[in-house]
Protein backbone atom coordinates (compact mmCIF):
# COMPACT_ATOMS: atom_id res chain seq x y z
CA UNK A 1 -9.55 163.30 90.92
CA UNK A 2 -13.26 162.34 91.46
CA UNK A 3 -16.32 159.44 90.42
CA UNK A 4 -15.12 157.30 87.29
CA UNK A 5 -11.71 157.83 87.53
CA UNK A 6 -11.21 157.87 91.56
CA UNK A 7 -13.63 154.25 91.76
CA UNK A 8 -11.71 152.64 89.28
CA UNK A 9 -8.04 153.74 90.49
CA UNK A 10 -9.37 152.30 93.70
CA UNK A 11 -10.61 148.82 92.27
CA UNK A 12 -7.47 148.41 90.39
CA UNK A 13 -5.94 148.37 93.86
CA UNK A 14 -7.03 145.89 95.85
CA UNK A 15 -7.54 143.99 92.74
CA UNK A 16 -4.03 143.15 92.96
CA UNK A 17 -3.40 139.71 95.57
CA UNK A 18 -0.23 141.61 97.15
CA UNK A 19 -1.73 144.71 97.63
CA UNK A 20 -4.95 142.94 99.77
CA UNK A 21 -2.21 141.13 102.02
CA UNK A 22 -0.22 144.15 103.08
CA UNK A 23 -3.87 145.74 103.80
CA UNK A 24 -4.21 142.75 106.05
CA UNK A 25 -0.98 143.27 107.16
CA UNK A 26 -1.60 146.79 108.33
CA UNK A 27 -4.88 146.23 109.75
CA UNK A 28 -3.80 143.87 111.95
CA UNK A 29 -0.47 145.50 112.87
CA UNK A 30 -1.74 149.06 112.74
CA UNK A 31 0.95 150.37 110.82
CA UNK A 32 4.12 149.32 109.32
CA UNK A 33 7.53 150.59 107.35
CA UNK A 34 8.16 149.55 103.81
CA UNK A 35 10.98 146.35 105.61
CA UNK A 36 8.39 145.45 108.16
CA UNK A 37 5.80 144.68 105.78
CA UNK A 38 8.44 142.87 103.07
CA UNK A 39 9.27 140.44 106.07
CA UNK A 40 5.19 139.27 105.93
CA UNK A 41 4.54 139.48 102.23
CA UNK A 42 7.03 137.88 99.89
CA UNK A 43 7.90 139.95 97.77
CA UNK A 44 10.89 142.47 97.37
CA UNK A 45 11.46 145.58 99.56
CA UNK A 46 10.89 147.48 95.89
CA UNK A 47 8.16 145.56 95.11
CA UNK A 48 6.42 146.76 98.62
CA UNK A 49 7.32 149.79 97.96
CA UNK A 50 5.42 150.03 94.59
CA UNK A 51 2.81 148.82 96.05
CA UNK A 52 2.07 151.15 98.71
CA UNK A 53 2.35 154.02 96.69
CA UNK A 54 -0.53 152.74 94.39
CA UNK A 55 -2.39 152.24 97.60
CA UNK A 56 -1.47 155.61 98.73
CA UNK A 57 -2.69 156.89 95.16
CA UNK A 58 -5.95 155.42 95.58
CA UNK A 59 -6.38 156.86 99.12
CA UNK A 60 -6.23 153.12 101.00
CA UNK A 61 -2.84 153.95 103.00
CA UNK A 62 -1.02 157.20 104.05
CA UNK A 63 2.81 157.07 104.88
CA UNK A 64 4.54 159.25 107.82
CA UNK A 65 7.71 159.65 108.63
CA UNK A 66 9.15 158.53 112.20
CA UNK A 67 12.25 159.65 111.79
CA UNK A 68 14.39 158.14 109.11
CA UNK A 69 11.79 155.56 108.41
CA UNK A 70 8.25 155.99 106.51
CA UNK A 71 5.36 154.24 108.67
CA UNK A 72 2.53 153.51 106.90
CA UNK A 73 -1.43 153.54 108.27
CA UNK A 74 -4.64 152.34 106.50
CA UNK A 75 -7.12 154.96 106.05
CA UNK A 76 -10.41 152.87 107.01
CA UNK A 77 -13.03 155.18 105.32
CA UNK A 78 -11.66 154.73 102.08
CA UNK A 79 -11.82 150.75 102.70
CA UNK A 80 -15.55 151.49 103.91
CA UNK A 81 -16.39 152.85 100.45
CA UNK A 82 -15.38 149.85 98.72
CA UNK A 83 -17.01 147.72 101.27
CA UNK A 84 -19.65 149.43 100.66
CA UNK A 85 -19.79 149.70 97.04
CA UNK A 86 -18.88 145.72 96.75
CA UNK A 87 -22.62 145.20 99.06
CA UNK A 88 -24.08 147.42 96.43
CA UNK A 89 -22.97 145.35 93.41
CA UNK A 90 -23.65 142.26 95.31
CA UNK A 91 -27.18 143.44 95.60
CA UNK A 92 -27.30 144.63 91.98
CA UNK A 93 -26.03 140.49 91.15
CA UNK A 94 -28.99 139.00 93.52
CA UNK A 95 -31.48 140.80 91.78
CA UNK A 96 -30.06 139.86 87.92
CA UNK A 97 -29.84 136.07 89.42
CA UNK A 98 -33.38 136.21 90.87
CA UNK A 99 -34.60 137.45 87.85
CA UNK A 100 -32.54 134.94 85.56
CA UNK A 101 -33.65 132.83 87.80
CA UNK A 102 -37.94 133.49 87.23
CA UNK A 103 -37.58 133.29 83.83
CA UNK A 104 -35.71 129.85 83.72
CA UNK A 105 -38.61 128.48 85.91
CA UNK A 106 -41.35 130.96 83.65
CA UNK A 107 -39.73 128.77 80.59
CA UNK A 108 -39.72 125.45 82.19
CA UNK A 109 -43.47 126.08 83.32
CA UNK A 110 -44.60 127.22 79.74
CA UNK A 111 -42.50 124.04 78.42
CA UNK A 112 -44.52 121.58 80.92
CA UNK A 113 -48.23 123.44 79.67
CA UNK A 114 -47.31 122.63 76.00
CA UNK A 115 -46.50 119.27 76.80
């Protein structure tokens, strides 16, 4: 998948607070099993597995088998991509808000000159 669909998948994955918490835990631990993550996030192990699947499909985590368990690690390149995209959006919104502010100030000035 590429382009818009991939971007939508990334935003959908990080829009959920539980998944963001899992990302935080993996960021601090380096790696963890679903059971270890369930001990730090207040949802069932089955829910953790579903969230990890979504994060994996979005390219944010990768699971690797270590004996009988699967250890999950964060994939920072994809998270960096999300950070850059958020920074671009923030810049766009700053420009929009500046335009709105300028228009409002111009309207106030025009109103004052009419009075």
